[in-house]
Amino acid sequence: MKAGAGYTFFLDGAQAQQRTFSGASFPVLLNGQPGLVTEDTVADYRNVTVGNTF
């Protein structure tokens, strides 16, 4: 969920994290280009949804 520079991340319907990103540090996030990243593990993403809440 995105509201301005604030993002709320959910995993399996449960809130996993809430963050605020500045445009200077994370301009891609403010341009609406989502992505999924893993580190030191393998992941299989299915049924990914990106939505806005105003």
Protein backbone atom coordinates (compact mmCIF):
# COMPACT_ATOMS: atom_id res chain seq x y z
CA MET A 1 0.00 0.00 0.00
CA LYS A 2 1.39 3.42 -0.93
CA ALA A 3 0.39 6.83 0.42
CA GLY A 4 2.72 9.62 -0.71
CA ALA A 5 6.25 8.55 0.23
CA GLY A 6 4.91 6.06 2.80
CA TYR A 7 4.63 2.36 2.00
CA THR A 8 3.05 -0.51 3.91
CA PHE A 9 4.18 -3.99 2.88
CA PHE A 10 2.04 -7.08 3.39
CA LEU A 11 2.96 -10.76 3.18
CA ASP A 12 0.17 -13.34 3.03
CA GLY A 13 -2.33 -10.67 4.10
CA ALA A 14 -0.41 -9.62 7.22
CA GLN A 15 1.44 -6.31 7.53
CA ALA A 16 5.14 -7.09 7.32
CA GLN A 17 6.71 -3.62 7.32
CA GLN A 18 5.94 0.10 7.08
CA ARG A 19 8.51 2.50 5.60
CA THR A 20 8.84 6.06 4.30
CA PHE A 21 11.24 6.69 1.42
CA SER A 22 12.57 10.05 0.28
CA GLY A 23 12.62 10.90 -3.42
CA ALA A 24 16.37 11.66 -3.43
CA SER A 25 17.29 8.25 -2.01
CA PHE A 26 14.67 6.12 -3.72
CA PRO A 27 13.36 7.91 -6.85
CA VAL A 28 12.25 4.64 -8.49
CA LEU A 29 9.76 3.99 -5.68
CA LEU A 30 8.15 7.38 -6.20
CA ASN A 31 7.78 6.65 -9.95
CA GLY A 32 5.63 3.58 -9.32
CA GLN A 33 8.08 0.83 -10.34
CA PRO A 34 7.70 -2.01 -7.80
CA GLY A 35 10.07 -4.97 -7.54
CA LEU A 36 10.69 -7.98 -5.33
CA VAL A 37 14.14 -8.89 -4.04
CA THR A 38 15.54 -11.81 -2.06
CA GLU A 39 18.92 -12.14 -0.44
CA ASP A 40 20.70 -15.46 0.19
CA THR A 41 17.53 -17.46 -0.53
CA VAL A 42 15.27 -18.64 -3.35
CA ALA A 43 11.71 -17.36 -3.59
CA ASP A 44 8.67 -18.18 -5.71
CA TYR A 45 6.30 -15.20 -5.94
CA ARG A 46 2.69 -15.79 -7.00
CA ASN A 47 -0.42 -13.63 -6.90
CA VAL A 48 1.51 -10.41 -6.32
CA THR A 49 -0.71 -7.35 -6.00
CA VAL A 50 0.35 -3.71 -6.02
CA GLY A 51 -2.30 -1.24 -4.88
CA ASN A 52 -2.84 2.38 -3.87
CA THR A 53 -4.86 3.55 -0.90
CA PHE A 54 -5.81 7.19 -0.60
